Amino acid sequence: MDKIKLNSERQEAMNLLKTARGQIEGIIKMIEDGRYCIDVSNQIIASTSLLKKSNALILKQHLNHCVKEAFLNNTGEEKVDEIMKVLEKITK
């Protein structure tokens, strides 16, 4: 697959993922240091939120670019099926 340039959604998603990576590294250290469970849990929740936001941005980028282009080329139904499968996973 060709490398897609980083538009605003992808760049923001990347920034969120890098922040989440830092948080996850911090969580691992918290566990290694025997930190209070609730503090660890709160950091896991914060990291999960960043991952969800990042995923939403990637899906927005997919809809605005990939799906839009597919519909312009009369192949949009495939892309809708892909999105539906992802939404099923998210809502489980």
N, C-alpha and C. Protein backbone atom coordinates (compact mmCIF):
# COMPACT_ATOMS: atom_id res chain seq x y z
N MET A 1 0.85 -1.18 0.00
CA MET A 1 0.00 0.00 0.00
C MET A 1 0.90 1.24 0.00
N ASP A 2 0.50 2.23 -0.77
CA ASP A 2 1.27 3.46 -0.84
C ASP A 2 1.21 4.21 0.47
N LYS A 3 2.32 4.87 0.79
CA LYS A 3 2.36 5.68 2.01
C LYS A 3 1.54 6.94 1.77
N ILE A 4 0.62 7.19 2.69
CA ILE A 4 -0.25 8.36 2.59
C ILE A 4 0.37 9.48 3.41
N LYS A 5 0.40 10.68 2.84
CA LYS A 5 0.97 11.80 3.59
C LYS A 5 0.13 12.08 4.82
N LEU A 6 0.77 12.63 5.82
CA LEU A 6 0.08 12.90 7.08
C LEU A 6 -0.77 14.15 6.96
N ASN A 7 -2.08 13.95 6.84
CA ASN A 7 -2.98 15.10 6.88
C ASN A 7 -3.26 15.43 8.34
N SER A 8 -4.13 16.37 8.59
CA SER A 8 -4.33 16.82 9.96
C SER A 8 -4.87 15.71 10.87
N GLU A 9 -5.79 14.89 10.36
CA GLU A 9 -6.32 13.80 11.20
C GLU A 9 -5.22 12.80 11.55
N ARG A 10 -4.44 12.41 10.57
CA ARG A 10 -3.37 11.43 10.81
C ARG A 10 -2.30 12.01 11.74
N GLN A 11 -1.96 13.27 11.55
CA GLN A 11 -0.95 13.89 12.40
C GLN A 11 -1.43 13.97 13.84
N GLU A 12 -2.68 14.38 14.02
CA GLU A 12 -3.23 14.46 15.38
C GLU A 12 -3.31 13.07 16.02
N ALA A 13 -3.72 12.07 15.23
CA ALA A 13 -3.77 10.69 15.73
C ALA A 13 -2.38 10.22 16.14
N MET A 14 -1.38 10.55 15.34
CA MET A 14 0.00 10.17 15.66
C MET A 14 0.45 10.83 16.96
N ASN A 15 0.13 12.09 17.13
CA ASN A 15 0.50 12.79 18.36
C ASN A 15 -0.17 12.16 19.59
N LEU A 16 -1.45 11.80 19.44
CA LEU A 16 -2.15 11.14 20.54
C LEU A 16 -1.52 9.78 20.87
N LEU A 17 -1.16 9.04 19.83
CA LEU A 17 -0.54 7.73 20.05
C LEU A 17 0.82 7.85 20.72
N LYS A 18 1.57 8.87 20.35
CA LYS A 18 2.87 9.08 21.01
C LYS A 18 2.68 9.44 22.48
N THR A 19 1.66 10.25 22.75
CA THR A 19 1.36 10.58 24.14
C THR A 19 0.94 9.33 24.91
N ALA A 20 0.09 8.51 24.28
CA ALA A 20 -0.35 7.26 24.92
C ALA A 20 0.84 6.34 25.18
N ARG A 21 1.77 6.29 24.23
CA ARG A 21 2.96 5.46 24.41
C ARG A 21 3.73 5.90 25.66
N GLY A 22 3.88 7.20 25.83
CA GLY A 22 4.55 7.74 27.01
C GLY A 22 3.79 7.38 28.28
N GLN A 23 2.47 7.49 28.21
CA GLN A 23 1.66 7.13 29.38
C GLN A 23 1.79 5.65 29.71
N ILE A 24 1.79 4.81 28.69
CA ILE A 24 1.90 3.37 28.93
C ILE A 24 3.25 3.03 29.53
N GLU A 25 4.30 3.66 29.05
CA GLU A 25 5.62 3.46 29.65
C GLU A 25 5.60 3.88 31.12
N GLY A 26 4.92 4.99 31.40
CA GLY A 26 4.79 5.45 32.78
C GLY A 26 3.98 4.48 33.63
N ILE A 27 2.95 3.90 33.06
CA ILE A 27 2.13 2.93 33.78
C ILE A 27 2.95 1.70 34.14
N ILE A 28 3.75 1.23 33.19
CA ILE A 28 4.62 0.08 33.46
C ILE A 28 5.55 0.39 34.62
N LYS A 29 6.12 1.58 34.62
CA LYS A 29 7.00 1.98 35.73
C LYS A 29 6.23 2.05 37.04
N MET A 30 5.01 2.58 36.98
CA MET A 30 4.18 2.65 38.19
C MET A 30 3.96 1.26 38.78
N ILE A 31 3.67 0.29 37.92
CA ILE A 31 3.45 -1.08 38.39
C ILE A 31 4.74 -1.66 38.95
N GLU A 32 5.84 -1.45 38.24
CA GLU A 32 7.13 -1.94 38.72
C GLU A 32 7.49 -1.33 40.08
N ASP A 33 7.10 -0.06 40.28
CA ASP A 33 7.40 0.63 41.53
C ASP A 33 6.39 0.33 42.64
N GLY A 34 5.38 -0.49 42.33
CA GLY A 34 4.39 -0.86 43.33
C GLY A 34 3.44 0.26 43.70
N ARG A 35 3.15 1.15 42.75
CA ARG A 35 2.25 2.27 43.02
C ARG A 35 0.83 1.80 43.32
N TYR A 36 0.08 2.67 43.95
CA TYR A 36 -1.29 2.41 44.36
C TYR A 36 -2.14 2.01 43.15
N CYS A 37 -2.92 0.94 43.32
CA CYS A 37 -3.69 0.35 42.21
C CYS A 37 -4.64 1.36 41.54
N ILE A 38 -5.31 2.17 42.32
CA ILE A 38 -6.26 3.13 41.76
C ILE A 38 -5.53 4.16 40.91
N ASP A 39 -4.34 4.59 41.32
CA ASP A 39 -3.55 5.52 40.51
C ASP A 39 -3.17 4.88 39.18
N VAL A 40 -2.78 3.61 39.23
CA VAL A 40 -2.44 2.88 38.00
C VAL A 40 -3.67 2.78 37.11
N SER A 41 -4.79 2.40 37.70
CA SER A 41 -6.03 2.26 36.94
C SER A 41 -6.43 3.57 36.27
N ASN A 42 -6.32 4.68 36.99
CA ASN A 42 -6.65 5.98 36.40
C ASN A 42 -5.76 6.31 35.21
N GLN A 43 -4.52 5.93 35.28
CA GLN A 43 -3.60 6.17 34.15
C GLN A 43 -3.95 5.26 32.97
N ILE A 44 -4.38 4.05 33.25
CA ILE A 44 -4.81 3.14 32.17
C ILE A 44 -6.05 3.71 31.48
N ILE A 45 -6.97 4.25 32.28
CA ILE A 45 -8.18 4.87 31.71
C ILE A 45 -7.79 6.04 30.81
N ALA A 46 -6.86 6.86 31.27
CA ALA A 46 -6.41 8.02 30.47
C ALA A 46 -5.77 7.55 29.16
N SER A 47 -4.98 6.51 29.21
CA SER A 47 -4.34 5.98 28.00
C SER A 47 -5.38 5.42 27.04
N THR A 48 -6.35 4.71 27.60
CA THR A 48 -7.42 4.15 26.77
C THR A 48 -8.18 5.26 26.04
N SER A 49 -8.42 6.36 26.73
CA SER A 49 -9.11 7.50 26.13
C SER A 49 -8.32 8.05 24.94
N LEU A 50 -7.01 8.15 25.10
CA LEU A 50 -6.18 8.63 24.00
C LEU A 50 -6.23 7.68 22.80
N LEU A 51 -6.23 6.39 23.06
CA LEU A 51 -6.31 5.40 21.99
C LEU A 51 -7.65 5.50 21.26
N LYS A 52 -8.72 5.69 22.02
CA LYS A 52 -10.04 5.83 21.39
C LYS A 52 -10.11 7.09 20.53
N LYS A 53 -9.58 8.19 21.04
CA LYS A 53 -9.57 9.44 20.26
C LYS A 53 -8.75 9.28 18.99
N SER A 54 -7.62 8.61 19.11
CA SER A 54 -6.77 8.37 17.95
C SER A 54 -7.50 7.52 16.91
N ASN A 55 -8.18 6.48 17.37
CA ASN A 55 -8.93 5.63 16.45
C ASN A 55 -10.03 6.41 15.76
N ALA A 56 -10.72 7.27 16.49
CA ALA A 56 -11.78 8.08 15.89
C ALA A 56 -11.23 8.98 14.80
N LEU A 57 -10.06 9.54 15.02
CA LEU A 57 -9.44 10.39 14.00
C LEU A 57 -9.05 9.58 12.76
N ILE A 58 -8.53 8.39 12.97
CA ILE A 58 -8.16 7.54 11.83
C ILE A 58 -9.40 7.15 11.05
N LEU A 59 -10.49 6.82 11.75
CA LEU A 59 -11.73 6.48 11.05
C LEU A 59 -12.30 7.69 10.31
N LYS A 60 -12.19 8.87 10.92
CA LYS A 60 -12.64 10.10 10.24
C LYS A 60 -11.85 10.31 8.96
N GLN A 61 -10.54 10.13 9.04
CA GLN A 61 -9.68 10.27 7.86
C GLN A 61 -10.09 9.25 6.80
N HIS A 62 -10.40 8.03 7.23
CA HIS A 62 -10.80 6.98 6.29
C HIS A 62 -12.10 7.37 5.58
N LEU A 63 -13.07 7.85 6.36
CA LEU A 63 -14.34 8.27 5.76
C LEU A 63 -14.17 9.45 4.81
N ASN A 64 -13.41 10.44 5.25
CA ASN A 64 -13.25 11.65 4.44
C ASN A 64 -12.42 11.46 3.19
N HIS A 65 -11.58 10.45 3.18
CA HIS A 65 -10.68 10.29 2.03
C HIS A 65 -10.92 8.96 1.31
N CYS A 66 -10.66 7.86 1.98
CA CYS A 66 -10.75 6.54 1.34
C CYS A 66 -12.17 6.20 0.90
N VAL A 67 -13.13 6.38 1.80
CA VAL A 67 -14.52 6.03 1.47
C VAL A 67 -15.06 6.99 0.42
N LYS A 68 -14.78 8.25 0.59
CA LYS A 68 -15.24 9.26 -0.38
C LYS A 68 -14.72 8.93 -1.77
N GLU A 69 -13.43 8.62 -1.87
CA GLU A 69 -12.83 8.27 -3.15
C GLU A 69 -13.45 7.00 -3.73
N ALA A 70 -13.70 6.02 -2.86
CA ALA A 70 -14.31 4.77 -3.32
C ALA A 70 -15.70 5.01 -3.91
N PHE A 71 -16.49 5.86 -3.26
CA PHE A 71 -17.82 6.15 -3.80
C PHE A 71 -17.74 6.89 -5.12
N LEU A 72 -16.75 7.75 -5.26
CA LEU A 72 -16.57 8.45 -6.54
C LEU A 72 -16.19 7.48 -7.65
N ASN A 73 -15.59 6.36 -7.26
CA ASN A 73 -15.19 5.33 -8.24
C ASN A 73 -16.15 4.13 -8.24
N ASN A 74 -17.33 4.31 -7.66
CA ASN A 74 -18.37 3.28 -7.62
C ASN A 74 -17.95 1.99 -6.92
N THR A 75 -17.07 2.10 -5.94
CA THR A 75 -16.66 0.93 -5.16
C THR A 75 -16.87 1.18 -3.66
N GLY A 76 -17.80 2.03 -3.34
CA GLY A 76 -18.00 2.45 -1.96
C GLY A 76 -18.61 1.40 -1.05
N GLU A 77 -19.36 0.46 -1.61
CA GLU A 77 -20.02 -0.54 -0.76
C GLU A 77 -19.01 -1.37 0.02
N GLU A 78 -17.88 -1.69 -0.58
CA GLU A 78 -16.81 -2.42 0.12
C GLU A 78 -16.34 -1.65 1.34
N LYS A 79 -16.15 -0.36 1.17
CA LYS A 79 -15.66 0.48 2.26
C LYS A 79 -16.69 0.59 3.37
N VAL A 80 -17.96 0.62 3.02
CA VAL A 80 -19.01 0.66 4.03
C VAL A 80 -18.98 -0.63 4.85
N ASP A 81 -18.80 -1.76 4.19
CA ASP A 81 -18.70 -3.03 4.90
C ASP A 81 -17.51 -3.03 5.86
N GLU A 82 -16.38 -2.47 5.43
CA GLU A 82 -15.21 -2.38 6.31
C GLU A 82 -15.52 -1.55 7.55
N ILE A 83 -16.14 -0.41 7.34
CA ILE A 83 -16.49 0.48 8.46
C ILE A 83 -17.46 -0.22 9.40
N MET A 84 -18.42 -0.93 8.85
CA MET A 84 -19.39 -1.63 9.70
C MET A 84 -18.70 -2.68 10.57
N LYS A 85 -17.73 -3.39 10.02
CA LYS A 85 -16.99 -4.39 10.81
C LYS A 85 -16.22 -3.73 11.95
N VAL A 86 -15.63 -2.59 11.66
CA VAL A 86 -14.90 -1.86 12.71
C VAL A 86 -15.87 -1.38 13.77
N LEU A 87 -17.00 -0.82 13.37
CA LEU A 87 -17.98 -0.33 14.34
C LEU A 87 -18.53 -1.46 15.20
N GLU A 88 -18.69 -2.64 14.62
CA GLU A 88 -19.13 -3.79 15.41
C GLU A 88 -18.11 -4.12 16.50
N LYS A 89 -16.83 -4.05 16.16
CA LYS A 89 -15.77 -4.31 17.15
C LYS A 89 -15.79 -3.25 18.24
N ILE A 90 -15.98 -2.02 17.87
CA ILE A 90 -15.95 -0.91 18.83
C ILE A 90 -17.11 -1.01 19.80
N THR A 91 -18.27 -1.44 19.30
CA THR A 91 -19.47 -1.42 20.14
C THR A 91 -19.68 -2.71 20.93
N LYS A 92 -18.77 -3.66 20.82
CA LYS A 92 -18.90 -4.92 21.60
C LYS A 92 -18.58 -4.67 23.04
